[in-house]
């Protein structure tokens, strides 16, 4: 049974989001993406996903997913995530992070310069393209690429993000084993919320990752 597309709601939420840029520490509650489901919810959402062969990458371009966009004032999406995911982040007048510390949950590294961090699209843009986003409008792709309402964006070590590339969990998982449960729940939540498909090997890998979750 088909589900009502949620992207219009996502776009409205993104447009309505406001950010107050201050100098100081980010709270622990803010240092993680929004919308990570419980394990039971993630299992139910995974069951609801459509399993289908992966589509081609032909026609894909990152430019078809406009980012980073302005969120509030002079702050764009990247700067907003850096502020959210960091500790004691100090920003300048243009909202650029000039100091702070960031923990990368994929590899367990801590960084003290924003230049060492990438903002990972958890479900990569090319993966989204192959899973249904090729048929989306540009505005919907923009909303996806800048989604702060769901666990799609996270600050991580730059070269780890680059090594991940556009791979799905059947071929790439965080090296920090204890984070694989969270990663799977985040991936499932994004695919479910955006009505994207999963291929069979991806689904199997996600089920295995959920099996690592503790009570």
N, C-alpha and C. Protein backbone atom coordinates (compact mmCIF):
# COMPACT_ATOMS: atom_id res chain seq x y z
N UNK A 1 0.84 -1.18 0.00
CA UNK A 1 0.00 0.00 0.00
C UNK A 1 0.88 1.24 0.00
N UNK A 2 0.61 2.19 -0.86
CA UNK A 2 1.44 3.37 -0.96
C UNK A 2 1.21 4.30 0.21
N UNK A 3 2.25 5.06 0.55
CA UNK A 3 2.16 6.01 1.63
C UNK A 3 2.18 7.42 1.07
N UNK A 4 1.53 8.34 1.76
CA UNK A 4 1.48 9.72 1.31
C UNK A 4 2.88 10.31 1.34
N UNK A 5 3.37 10.89 0.23
CA UNK A 5 4.70 11.49 0.24
C UNK A 5 4.82 12.56 1.32
N UNK A 6 5.97 12.60 1.97
CA UNK A 6 6.16 13.51 3.09
C UNK A 6 7.03 14.71 2.74
N UNK A 7 7.49 14.82 1.50
CA UNK A 7 8.49 15.84 1.21
C UNK A 7 7.96 17.25 1.33
N UNK A 8 6.65 17.45 1.09
CA UNK A 8 6.09 18.79 1.24
C UNK A 8 6.18 19.23 2.70
N UNK A 9 5.91 18.28 3.62
CA UNK A 9 6.03 18.58 5.04
C UNK A 9 7.47 18.90 5.39
N UNK A 10 8.44 18.13 4.82
CA UNK A 10 9.85 18.37 5.09
C UNK A 10 10.24 19.78 4.66
N UNK A 11 9.80 20.18 3.47
CA UNK A 11 10.17 21.47 2.92
C UNK A 11 9.61 22.59 3.79
N UNK A 12 8.38 22.43 4.25
CA UNK A 12 7.78 23.43 5.11
C UNK A 12 8.53 23.54 6.43
N UNK A 13 8.93 22.39 6.97
CA UNK A 13 9.67 22.38 8.23
C UNK A 13 11.02 23.06 8.07
N UNK A 14 11.67 22.79 6.93
CA UNK A 14 12.97 23.37 6.67
C UNK A 14 12.86 24.88 6.53
N UNK A 15 11.83 25.34 5.84
CA UNK A 15 11.63 26.77 5.64
C UNK A 15 11.36 27.47 6.96
N UNK A 16 10.63 26.77 7.84
CA UNK A 16 10.24 27.37 9.11
C UNK A 16 11.34 27.36 10.15
N UNK A 17 12.39 26.54 9.91
CA UNK A 17 13.45 26.40 10.91
C UNK A 17 14.17 27.71 11.12
N UNK A 18 14.40 28.09 12.36
CA UNK A 18 15.19 29.28 12.66
C UNK A 18 16.38 28.88 13.48
N UNK A 19 17.43 29.70 13.38
CA UNK A 19 18.67 29.41 14.09
C UNK A 19 19.16 30.67 14.76
N UNK A 20 19.46 30.61 16.05
CA UNK A 20 20.08 31.71 16.75
C UNK A 20 21.56 31.42 16.86
N UNK A 21 22.39 32.23 16.23
CA UNK A 21 23.82 32.02 16.24
C UNK A 21 24.41 32.72 17.45
N UNK A 22 24.98 31.94 18.35
CA UNK A 22 25.58 32.49 19.56
C UNK A 22 26.96 31.91 19.74
N UNK A 23 27.74 32.55 20.57
CA UNK A 23 29.04 32.03 20.92
C UNK A 23 28.87 31.24 22.22
N UNK A 24 29.30 29.98 22.21
CA UNK A 24 29.15 29.17 23.42
C UNK A 24 29.10 27.71 23.09
N UNK A 25 28.74 26.92 24.06
CA UNK A 25 28.76 25.47 23.91
C UNK A 25 27.44 24.97 23.38
N UNK A 26 27.52 23.97 22.49
CA UNK A 26 26.31 23.28 22.05
C UNK A 26 25.96 22.25 23.10
N UNK A 27 24.69 22.10 23.40
CA UNK A 27 24.29 21.14 24.41
C UNK A 27 24.37 19.73 23.85
N UNK A 28 24.51 18.75 24.75
CA UNK A 28 24.60 17.36 24.32
C UNK A 28 23.35 16.94 23.57
N UNK A 29 22.20 17.49 23.96
CA UNK A 29 20.95 17.12 23.32
C UNK A 29 20.90 17.57 21.87
N UNK A 30 21.66 18.64 21.56
CA UNK A 30 21.65 19.18 20.21
C UNK A 30 22.70 18.54 19.31
N UNK A 31 23.61 17.77 19.90
CA UNK A 31 24.75 17.27 19.15
C UNK A 31 24.47 15.96 18.44
N UNK A 32 23.27 15.81 17.95
CA UNK A 32 22.90 14.62 17.21
C UNK A 32 21.75 14.96 16.29
N UNK A 33 21.62 14.31 15.13
CA UNK A 33 20.51 14.63 14.23
C UNK A 33 19.15 14.35 14.85
N UNK A 34 18.15 15.05 14.35
CA UNK A 34 16.78 14.84 14.80
C UNK A 34 16.17 13.61 14.15
N UNK A 35 15.19 13.03 14.82
CA UNK A 35 14.35 12.01 14.20
C UNK A 35 14.90 10.61 14.16
N UNK A 36 15.87 10.27 15.02
CA UNK A 36 16.36 8.89 15.05
C UNK A 36 15.31 8.02 15.75
N UNK A 37 14.78 7.01 15.08
CA UNK A 37 13.69 6.21 15.68
C UNK A 37 14.21 5.19 16.68
N UNK A 38 13.30 4.64 17.45
CA UNK A 38 13.63 3.50 18.31
C UNK A 38 13.92 2.29 17.42
N UNK A 39 14.50 1.27 18.01
CA UNK A 39 14.79 0.06 17.24
C UNK A 39 13.50 -0.57 16.72
N UNK A 40 12.47 -0.63 17.54
CA UNK A 40 11.21 -1.24 17.11
C UNK A 40 10.58 -0.45 15.97
N UNK A 41 10.63 0.87 16.07
CA UNK A 41 10.09 1.70 14.99
C UNK A 41 10.90 1.52 13.71
N UNK A 42 12.22 1.45 13.84
CA UNK A 42 13.07 1.24 12.67
C UNK A 42 12.76 -0.09 12.00
N UNK A 43 12.52 -1.13 12.78
CA UNK A 43 12.18 -2.43 12.19
C UNK A 43 10.86 -2.34 11.43
N UNK A 44 9.88 -1.64 12.00
CA UNK A 44 8.59 -1.49 11.34
C UNK A 44 8.73 -0.68 10.06
N UNK A 45 9.54 0.37 10.11
CA UNK A 45 9.74 1.19 8.91
C UNK A 45 10.49 0.41 7.84
N UNK A 46 11.46 -0.39 8.24
CA UNK A 46 12.18 -1.22 7.27
C UNK A 46 11.24 -2.21 6.61
N UNK A 47 10.34 -2.80 7.38
CA UNK A 47 9.35 -3.72 6.82
C UNK A 47 8.46 -3.03 5.79
N UNK A 48 8.24 -1.73 5.97
CA UNK A 48 7.34 -0.99 5.09
C UNK A 48 8.00 -0.48 3.82
N UNK A 49 9.33 -0.53 3.77
CA UNK A 49 10.03 -0.02 2.59
C UNK A 49 9.83 -0.95 1.40
N UNK A 50 9.81 -0.37 0.22
CA UNK A 50 9.70 -1.14 -1.02
C UNK A 50 11.08 -1.66 -1.40
N UNK A 51 11.20 -2.97 -1.56
CA UNK A 51 12.45 -3.59 -2.00
C UNK A 51 12.41 -3.67 -3.52
N UNK A 52 13.40 -3.08 -4.16
CA UNK A 52 13.42 -3.02 -5.63
C UNK A 52 14.86 -2.97 -6.10
N UNK A 53 15.11 -3.41 -7.33
CA UNK A 53 16.47 -3.29 -7.87
C UNK A 53 16.89 -1.83 -7.90
N UNK A 54 18.16 -1.60 -7.68
CA UNK A 54 18.68 -0.24 -7.68
C UNK A 54 18.65 0.33 -9.09
N UNK A 55 18.23 1.57 -9.22
CA UNK A 55 18.21 2.23 -10.51
C UNK A 55 19.60 2.66 -10.95
N UNK A 56 19.73 3.15 -12.18
CA UNK A 56 21.03 3.59 -12.69
C UNK A 56 21.43 4.95 -12.14
N UNK A 57 22.72 5.24 -12.20
CA UNK A 57 23.22 6.55 -11.79
C UNK A 57 23.23 7.53 -12.96
N UNK A 58 22.93 7.06 -14.14
CA UNK A 58 22.97 7.91 -15.33
C UNK A 58 22.05 9.11 -15.14
N UNK A 59 22.56 10.28 -15.52
CA UNK A 59 21.82 11.52 -15.39
C UNK A 59 22.03 12.23 -14.07
N UNK A 60 22.69 11.55 -13.12
CA UNK A 60 22.88 12.14 -11.79
C UNK A 60 23.93 13.23 -11.81
N UNK A 61 23.68 14.28 -11.03
CA UNK A 61 24.65 15.33 -10.75
C UNK A 61 24.33 15.91 -9.38
N UNK A 62 25.35 16.21 -8.60
CA UNK A 62 25.12 16.86 -7.30
C UNK A 62 24.40 18.19 -7.47
N UNK A 63 24.61 18.83 -8.62
CA UNK A 63 23.96 20.11 -8.86
C UNK A 63 22.44 19.98 -8.93
N UNK A 64 21.94 18.77 -9.11
CA UNK A 64 20.50 18.55 -9.15
C UNK A 64 19.90 18.52 -7.75
N UNK A 65 20.76 18.57 -6.72
CA UNK A 65 20.35 18.61 -5.31
C UNK A 65 20.93 19.89 -4.70
N UNK A 66 20.35 21.05 -4.95
CA UNK A 66 20.96 22.31 -4.52
C UNK A 66 21.23 22.36 -3.01
N UNK A 67 22.47 22.62 -2.65
CA UNK A 67 22.90 22.76 -1.27
C UNK A 67 24.24 23.49 -1.30
N UNK A 68 24.66 24.12 -0.28
CA UNK A 68 23.93 24.34 0.97
C UNK A 68 23.08 25.61 0.84
N UNK A 69 21.90 25.60 1.46
CA UNK A 69 21.01 26.75 1.36
C UNK A 69 21.05 27.55 2.67
N UNK A 70 20.59 28.79 2.61
CA UNK A 70 20.52 29.61 3.81
C UNK A 70 19.42 29.10 4.73
N UNK A 71 19.77 28.93 6.00
CA UNK A 71 18.80 28.48 6.99
C UNK A 71 18.26 29.66 7.78
N UNK A 72 19.16 30.50 8.27
CA UNK A 72 18.73 31.69 9.01
C UNK A 72 19.85 32.71 8.99
N UNK A 73 19.50 33.95 8.70
CA UNK A 73 20.52 34.99 8.66
C UNK A 73 21.60 34.67 7.66
N UNK A 74 22.85 34.62 8.13
CA UNK A 74 23.97 34.29 7.24
C UNK A 74 24.38 32.83 7.35
N UNK A 75 23.62 32.03 8.08
CA UNK A 75 23.98 30.63 8.33
C UNK A 75 23.37 29.69 7.31
N UNK A 76 24.23 28.90 6.64
CA UNK A 76 23.71 27.90 5.71
C UNK A 76 23.61 26.54 6.39
N UNK A 77 23.23 25.55 5.63
CA UNK A 77 22.99 24.22 6.22
C UNK A 77 24.24 23.63 6.84
N UNK A 78 25.37 23.72 6.14
CA UNK A 78 26.62 23.18 6.69
C UNK A 78 26.94 23.82 8.03
N UNK A 79 26.86 25.13 8.08
CA UNK A 79 27.20 25.85 9.31
C UNK A 79 26.24 25.50 10.44
N UNK A 80 24.99 25.30 10.10
CA UNK A 80 23.99 24.91 11.09
C UNK A 80 24.31 23.55 11.69
N UNK A 81 24.70 22.58 10.86
CA UNK A 81 25.03 21.24 11.35
C UNK A 81 26.32 21.27 12.17
N UNK A 82 27.31 22.05 11.74
CA UNK A 82 28.53 22.17 12.53
C UNK A 82 28.24 22.71 13.92
N UNK A 83 27.36 23.71 14.00
CA UNK A 83 26.99 24.27 15.29
C UNK A 83 26.24 23.24 16.13
N UNK A 84 25.34 22.51 15.52
CA UNK A 84 24.55 21.51 16.23
C UNK A 84 25.41 20.37 16.76
N UNK A 85 26.33 19.88 15.93
CA UNK A 85 27.07 18.67 16.26
C UNK A 85 28.35 18.92 17.05
N UNK A 86 28.74 20.17 17.22
CA UNK A 86 29.98 20.47 17.91
C UNK A 86 29.79 20.82 19.38
N UNK A 87 30.91 20.97 20.06
CA UNK A 87 30.95 21.39 21.45
C UNK A 87 31.76 22.68 21.55
N UNK A 88 31.22 23.65 22.28
CA UNK A 88 31.89 24.95 22.46
C UNK A 88 32.24 25.59 21.12
N UNK A 89 31.30 25.55 20.21
CA UNK A 89 31.53 26.10 18.87
C UNK A 89 31.41 27.62 18.91
N UNK A 90 32.42 28.29 18.40
CA UNK A 90 32.43 29.74 18.28
C UNK A 90 32.33 30.09 16.80
N UNK A 91 31.41 30.97 16.47
CA UNK A 91 31.22 31.38 15.08
C UNK A 91 31.53 32.86 14.92
N UNK A 92 31.95 33.24 13.71
CA UNK A 92 32.22 34.65 13.44
C UNK A 92 30.96 35.33 12.90
N UNK A 93 31.10 36.55 12.46
CA UNK A 93 29.94 37.34 12.01
C UNK A 93 29.26 36.74 10.79
N UNK A 94 30.01 35.94 10.01
CA UNK A 94 29.43 35.32 8.81
C UNK A 94 28.92 33.92 9.09
N UNK A 95 28.93 33.49 10.37
CA UNK A 95 28.43 32.19 10.83
C UNK A 95 29.42 31.05 10.62
N UNK A 96 30.63 31.35 10.17
CA UNK A 96 31.64 30.31 10.01
C UNK A 96 32.18 29.91 11.38
N UNK A 97 32.34 28.60 11.59
CA UNK A 97 32.88 28.10 12.86
C UNK A 97 34.37 28.34 12.90
N UNK A 98 34.82 29.11 13.89
CA UNK A 98 36.24 29.45 13.99
C UNK A 98 36.94 28.64 15.08
N UNK A 99 36.18 28.02 15.97
CA UNK A 99 36.77 27.12 16.95
C UNK A 99 35.67 26.22 17.51
N UNK A 100 36.12 25.18 18.22
CA UNK A 100 35.19 24.21 18.77
C UNK A 100 35.79 22.83 18.70
N UNK A 101 35.02 21.82 19.07
CA UNK A 101 35.47 20.44 18.91
C UNK A 101 34.31 19.61 18.40
N UNK A 102 34.65 18.60 17.61
CA UNK A 102 33.64 17.75 16.98
C UNK A 102 34.07 16.29 17.10
N UNK A 103 33.15 15.46 17.54
CA UNK A 103 33.38 14.01 17.61
C UNK A 103 32.71 13.37 16.41
N UNK A 104 33.48 12.60 15.65
CA UNK A 104 32.96 11.91 14.47
C UNK A 104 32.56 10.49 14.86
N UNK A 105 31.27 10.18 14.92
CA UNK A 105 30.84 8.87 15.42
C UNK A 105 31.16 7.72 14.47
N UNK A 106 31.45 8.00 13.22
CA UNK A 106 31.77 6.92 12.27
C UNK A 106 33.09 6.25 12.62
N UNK A 107 34.10 7.07 13.02
CA UNK A 107 35.43 6.54 13.25
C UNK A 107 35.98 6.84 14.64
N UNK A 108 35.22 7.56 15.47
CA UNK A 108 35.64 7.83 16.83
C UNK A 108 36.68 8.92 16.98
N UNK A 109 36.93 9.68 15.92
CA UNK A 109 37.93 10.75 15.98
C UNK A 109 37.33 12.05 16.50
N UNK A 110 38.15 12.85 17.17
CA UNK A 110 37.74 14.18 17.62
C UNK A 110 38.59 15.22 16.90
N UNK A 111 37.94 16.26 16.40
CA UNK A 111 38.60 17.30 15.62
C UNK A 111 38.35 18.67 16.24
N UNK A 112 39.29 19.57 15.99
CA UNK A 112 39.20 20.91 16.56
C UNK A 112 39.22 22.00 15.49
N UNK A 113 39.11 21.60 14.25
CA UNK A 113 39.03 22.55 13.14
C UNK A 113 37.89 22.13 12.23
N UNK A 114 37.01 23.07 11.92
CA UNK A 114 35.86 22.74 11.08
C UNK A 114 36.27 22.24 9.70
N UNK A 115 37.45 22.63 9.25
CA UNK A 115 37.93 22.20 7.94
C UNK A 115 38.17 20.70 7.87
N UNK A 116 38.29 20.04 9.02
CA UNK A 116 38.50 18.60 9.06
C UNK A 116 37.21 17.81 8.98
N UNK A 117 36.08 18.52 8.95
CA UNK A 117 34.78 17.86 8.95
C UNK A 117 34.07 18.04 7.61
N UNK A 118 33.41 16.97 7.18
CA UNK A 118 32.43 17.04 6.10
C UNK A 118 31.06 16.90 6.73
N UNK A 119 30.06 17.47 6.08
CA UNK A 119 28.68 17.19 6.47
C UNK A 119 28.19 16.06 5.57
N UNK A 120 28.08 14.89 6.15
CA UNK A 120 27.70 13.71 5.38
C UNK A 120 26.20 13.70 5.12
N UNK A 121 25.83 13.46 3.86
CA UNK A 121 24.46 13.06 3.56
C UNK A 121 24.41 11.57 3.86
N UNK A 122 23.79 11.22 4.99
CA UNK A 122 23.78 9.83 5.43
C UNK A 122 23.36 8.90 4.31
N UNK A 123 22.18 9.15 3.73
CA UNK A 123 21.82 8.49 2.47
C UNK A 123 22.39 9.38 1.37
N UNK A 124 23.45 8.94 0.71
CA UNK A 124 24.12 9.80 -0.25
C UNK A 124 23.18 10.27 -1.36
N UNK A 125 23.49 11.42 -1.92
CA UNK A 125 22.63 11.99 -2.95
C UNK A 125 22.52 11.05 -4.15
N UNK A 126 23.64 10.44 -4.55
CA UNK A 126 23.59 9.51 -5.68
C UNK A 126 22.78 8.27 -5.34
N UNK A 127 22.86 7.81 -4.10
CA UNK A 127 22.05 6.67 -3.66
C UNK A 127 20.57 7.03 -3.68
N UNK A 128 20.25 8.24 -3.24
CA UNK A 128 18.86 8.68 -3.30
C UNK A 128 18.38 8.73 -4.75
N UNK A 129 19.24 9.21 -5.63
CA UNK A 129 18.90 9.26 -7.06
C UNK A 129 18.54 7.89 -7.59
N UNK A 130 19.35 6.89 -7.22
CA UNK A 130 19.12 5.52 -7.70
C UNK A 130 17.92 4.87 -7.03
N UNK A 131 17.44 5.47 -5.95
CA UNK A 131 16.34 4.88 -5.16
C UNK A 131 15.02 5.60 -5.35
N UNK A 132 14.96 6.52 -6.31
CA UNK A 132 13.70 7.21 -6.59
C UNK A 132 13.79 8.70 -6.78
N UNK A 133 14.88 9.32 -6.31
CA UNK A 133 14.98 10.78 -6.40
C UNK A 133 15.20 11.28 -7.82
N UNK A 134 15.53 10.36 -8.74
CA UNK A 134 15.67 10.77 -10.15
C UNK A 134 14.35 11.30 -10.70
N UNK A 135 13.24 10.92 -10.09
CA UNK A 135 11.92 11.36 -10.57
C UNK A 135 11.41 12.58 -9.81
N UNK A 136 12.18 13.09 -8.86
CA UNK A 136 11.73 14.20 -8.05
C UNK A 136 11.88 15.54 -8.77
N UNK A 137 11.17 16.53 -8.27
CA UNK A 137 11.36 17.92 -8.71
C UNK A 137 12.63 18.47 -8.05
N UNK A 138 13.16 19.54 -8.61
CA UNK A 138 14.34 20.17 -8.02
C UNK A 138 14.07 20.64 -6.60
N UNK A 139 12.88 21.17 -6.33
CA UNK A 139 12.58 21.66 -4.99
C UNK A 139 12.55 20.52 -3.98
N UNK A 140 12.09 19.36 -4.40
CA UNK A 140 12.08 18.21 -3.49
C UNK A 140 13.50 17.72 -3.24
N UNK A 141 14.32 17.71 -4.28
CA UNK A 141 15.72 17.30 -4.10
C UNK A 141 16.47 18.30 -3.21
N UNK A 142 16.15 19.58 -3.34
CA UNK A 142 16.77 20.58 -2.48
C UNK A 142 16.38 20.36 -1.02
N UNK A 143 15.11 20.07 -0.79
CA UNK A 143 14.65 19.81 0.57
C UNK A 143 15.36 18.60 1.17
N UNK A 144 15.56 17.56 0.37
CA UNK A 144 16.25 16.36 0.83
C UNK A 144 17.71 16.68 1.17
N UNK A 145 18.37 17.41 0.31
CA UNK A 145 19.80 17.68 0.48
C UNK A 145 20.09 18.59 1.66
N UNK A 146 19.07 19.26 2.18
CA UNK A 146 19.24 20.19 3.30
C UNK A 146 18.34 19.83 4.48
N UNK A 147 17.97 18.55 4.58
CA UNK A 147 16.99 18.09 5.55
C UNK A 147 17.55 18.09 6.97
N UNK A 148 17.04 18.99 7.80
CA UNK A 148 17.43 19.05 9.21
C UNK A 148 16.38 18.45 10.13
N UNK A 149 15.27 18.00 9.56
CA UNK A 149 14.18 17.43 10.37
C UNK A 149 14.33 15.94 10.59
N UNK A 150 15.17 15.30 9.81
CA UNK A 150 15.40 13.86 9.89
C UNK A 150 16.91 13.61 9.95
N UNK A 151 17.34 12.41 10.30
CA UNK A 151 18.78 12.15 10.50
C UNK A 151 19.55 11.94 9.21
N UNK A 152 19.49 12.91 8.32
CA UNK A 152 20.15 12.81 7.02
C UNK A 152 21.50 13.51 6.99
N UNK A 153 21.74 14.45 7.90
CA UNK A 153 22.97 15.24 7.87
C UNK A 153 23.72 15.10 9.18
N UNK A 154 25.04 14.85 9.11
CA UNK A 154 25.84 14.68 10.32
C UNK A 154 27.28 15.06 10.01
N UNK A 155 27.93 15.72 10.96
CA UNK A 155 29.33 16.12 10.80
C UNK A 155 30.24 14.95 11.14
N UNK A 156 31.11 14.59 10.18
CA UNK A 156 32.02 13.46 10.36
C UNK A 156 33.39 13.79 9.76
N UNK A 157 34.36 12.97 10.07
CA UNK A 157 35.71 13.13 9.51
C UNK A 157 35.65 13.17 7.99
N UNK A 158 36.31 14.18 7.40
CA UNK A 158 36.17 14.40 5.96
C UNK A 158 36.62 13.21 5.11
N UNK A 159 37.78 12.62 5.43
CA UNK A 159 38.24 11.53 4.57
C UNK A 159 37.43 10.25 4.76
N UNK A 160 36.79 10.10 5.93
CA UNK A 160 35.90 8.95 6.13
C UNK A 160 34.65 9.12 5.25
N UNK A 161 34.12 10.32 5.23
CA UNK A 161 32.98 10.59 4.37
C UNK A 161 33.32 10.36 2.90
N UNK A 162 34.52 10.78 2.51
CA UNK A 162 34.93 10.60 1.12
C UNK A 162 35.12 9.13 0.79
N UNK A 163 35.61 8.34 1.74
CA UNK A 163 35.76 6.90 1.51
C UNK A 163 34.40 6.22 1.41
N UNK A 164 33.44 6.69 2.17
CA UNK A 164 32.08 6.15 2.08
C UNK A 164 31.49 6.40 0.71
N UNK A 165 31.70 7.60 0.18
CA UNK A 165 31.19 7.92 -1.16
C UNK A 165 29.68 7.76 -1.23
N UNK A 166 29.23 7.04 -2.26
CA UNK A 166 27.78 6.86 -2.45
C UNK A 166 27.33 5.44 -2.11
N UNK A 167 28.09 4.76 -1.23
CA UNK A 167 27.79 3.37 -0.91
C UNK A 167 26.63 3.25 0.08
N UNK A 168 25.90 2.14 -0.03
CA UNK A 168 24.85 1.84 0.93
C UNK A 168 25.40 0.86 1.97
N UNK A 169 24.63 0.52 3.02
CA UNK A 169 25.16 -0.32 4.09
C UNK A 169 25.58 -1.73 3.69
N UNK A 170 25.24 -2.17 2.51
CA UNK A 170 25.69 -3.51 2.09
C UNK A 170 27.18 -3.51 1.75
N UNK A 171 27.75 -2.31 1.50
CA UNK A 171 29.18 -2.24 1.15
C UNK A 171 29.96 -1.29 2.04
N UNK A 172 29.28 -0.48 2.86
CA UNK A 172 29.99 0.41 3.77
C UNK A 172 29.19 0.58 5.06
N UNK A 173 29.90 0.42 6.19
CA UNK A 173 29.32 0.66 7.51
C UNK A 173 30.37 1.35 8.37
N UNK A 174 29.97 2.14 9.39
CA UNK A 174 30.95 2.81 10.24
C UNK A 174 31.92 1.83 10.88
N UNK A 175 33.18 2.25 10.99
CA UNK A 175 34.17 1.38 11.61
C UNK A 175 33.94 1.23 13.11
N UNK A 176 33.27 2.20 13.74
CA UNK A 176 32.90 2.08 15.14
C UNK A 176 31.68 1.15 15.21
N UNK A 177 31.94 -0.09 15.62
CA UNK A 177 30.90 -1.12 15.57
C UNK A 177 29.67 -0.74 16.37
N UNK A 178 29.87 -0.11 17.52
CA UNK A 178 28.74 0.23 18.40
C UNK A 178 27.82 1.28 17.78
N UNK A 179 28.29 1.97 16.74
CA UNK A 179 27.46 3.01 16.11
C UNK A 179 26.62 2.44 14.96
N UNK A 180 26.85 1.19 14.60
CA UNK A 180 26.14 0.64 13.43
C UNK A 180 24.65 0.54 13.67
N UNK A 181 24.24 0.28 14.89
CA UNK A 181 22.81 0.26 15.22
C UNK A 181 22.19 1.61 14.92
N UNK A 182 22.80 2.67 15.44
CA UNK A 182 22.28 4.02 15.22
C UNK A 182 22.30 4.37 13.74
N UNK A 183 23.37 4.03 13.06
CA UNK A 183 23.49 4.32 11.63
C UNK A 183 22.35 3.67 10.85
N UNK A 184 22.07 2.42 11.16
CA UNK A 184 20.99 1.71 10.47
C UNK A 184 19.65 2.37 10.73
N UNK A 185 19.40 2.75 11.98
CA UNK A 185 18.13 3.40 12.31
C UNK A 185 17.99 4.73 11.58
N UNK A 186 19.08 5.46 11.49
CA UNK A 186 19.06 6.74 10.76
C UNK A 186 18.78 6.51 9.27
N UNK A 187 19.49 5.55 8.69
CA UNK A 187 19.33 5.26 7.26
C UNK A 187 17.88 4.87 6.94
N UNK A 188 17.34 3.99 7.75
CA UNK A 188 15.97 3.53 7.55
C UNK A 188 14.99 4.69 7.67
N UNK A 189 15.18 5.53 8.69
CA UNK A 189 14.28 6.66 8.90
C UNK A 189 14.27 7.59 7.70
N UNK A 190 15.43 7.84 7.13
CA UNK A 190 15.51 8.73 5.97
C UNK A 190 14.83 8.10 4.76
N UNK A 191 15.12 6.85 4.50
CA UNK A 191 14.50 6.20 3.33
C UNK A 191 12.99 6.11 3.50
N UNK A 192 12.53 5.82 4.71
CA UNK A 192 11.10 5.73 4.96
C UNK A 192 10.44 7.10 4.80
N UNK A 193 11.03 8.12 5.40
CA UNK A 193 10.43 9.45 5.37
C UNK A 193 10.35 10.03 3.97
N UNK A 194 11.32 9.68 3.14
CA UNK A 194 11.37 10.22 1.79
C UNK A 194 10.87 9.25 0.72
N UNK A 195 10.26 8.15 1.14
CA UNK A 195 9.66 7.19 0.21
C UNK A 195 10.65 6.66 -0.82
N UNK A 196 11.86 6.35 -0.35
CA UNK A 196 12.88 5.80 -1.22
C UNK A 196 12.90 4.27 -1.10
N UNK A 197 13.33 3.61 -2.14
CA UNK A 197 13.37 2.15 -2.14
C UNK A 197 14.69 1.64 -1.55
N UNK A 198 14.73 0.35 -1.25
CA UNK A 198 15.96 -0.32 -0.84
C UNK A 198 16.15 -1.53 -1.75
N UNK A 199 17.41 -1.86 -2.03
CA UNK A 199 17.66 -3.09 -2.76
C UNK A 199 17.83 -4.23 -1.76
N UNK A 200 17.75 -5.47 -2.25
CA UNK A 200 17.71 -6.62 -1.36
C UNK A 200 18.95 -6.73 -0.48
N UNK A 201 20.14 -6.50 -1.04
CA UNK A 201 21.36 -6.61 -0.24
C UNK A 201 21.42 -5.52 0.83
N UNK A 202 20.92 -4.36 0.49
CA UNK A 202 20.85 -3.24 1.44
C UNK A 202 19.91 -3.56 2.59
N UNK A 203 18.75 -4.10 2.26
CA UNK A 203 17.79 -4.46 3.29
C UNK A 203 18.38 -5.51 4.23
N UNK A 204 19.04 -6.51 3.68
CA UNK A 204 19.64 -7.56 4.50
C UNK A 204 20.70 -6.99 5.44
N UNK A 205 21.52 -6.09 4.91
CA UNK A 205 22.56 -5.47 5.74
C UNK A 205 21.94 -4.65 6.87
N UNK A 206 20.88 -3.93 6.58
CA UNK A 206 20.21 -3.12 7.60
C UNK A 206 19.63 -4.00 8.70
N UNK A 207 19.05 -5.13 8.33
CA UNK A 207 18.50 -6.04 9.35
C UNK A 207 19.62 -6.56 10.24
N UNK A 208 20.74 -6.87 9.65
CA UNK A 208 21.89 -7.33 10.44
C UNK A 208 22.39 -6.25 11.38
N UNK A 209 22.40 -5.02 10.93
CA UNK A 209 22.84 -3.90 11.78
C UNK A 209 21.87 -3.68 12.93
N UNK A 210 20.56 -3.81 12.67
CA UNK A 210 19.59 -3.66 13.74
C UNK A 210 19.74 -4.76 14.79
N UNK A 211 20.23 -5.91 14.35
CA UNK A 211 20.44 -7.01 15.30
C UNK A 211 21.55 -6.70 16.31
N UNK A 212 22.37 -5.66 16.03
CA UNK A 212 23.43 -5.28 16.96
C UNK A 212 22.91 -4.34 18.04
N UNK A 213 21.67 -3.88 17.92
CA UNK A 213 21.12 -2.93 18.89
C UNK A 213 20.87 -3.63 20.22
N UNK A 214 21.19 -2.96 21.29
CA UNK A 214 20.90 -3.49 22.62
C UNK A 214 19.55 -2.98 23.07
N UNK A 215 19.01 -3.60 24.08
CA UNK A 215 17.67 -3.24 24.56
C UNK A 215 17.64 -1.81 25.05
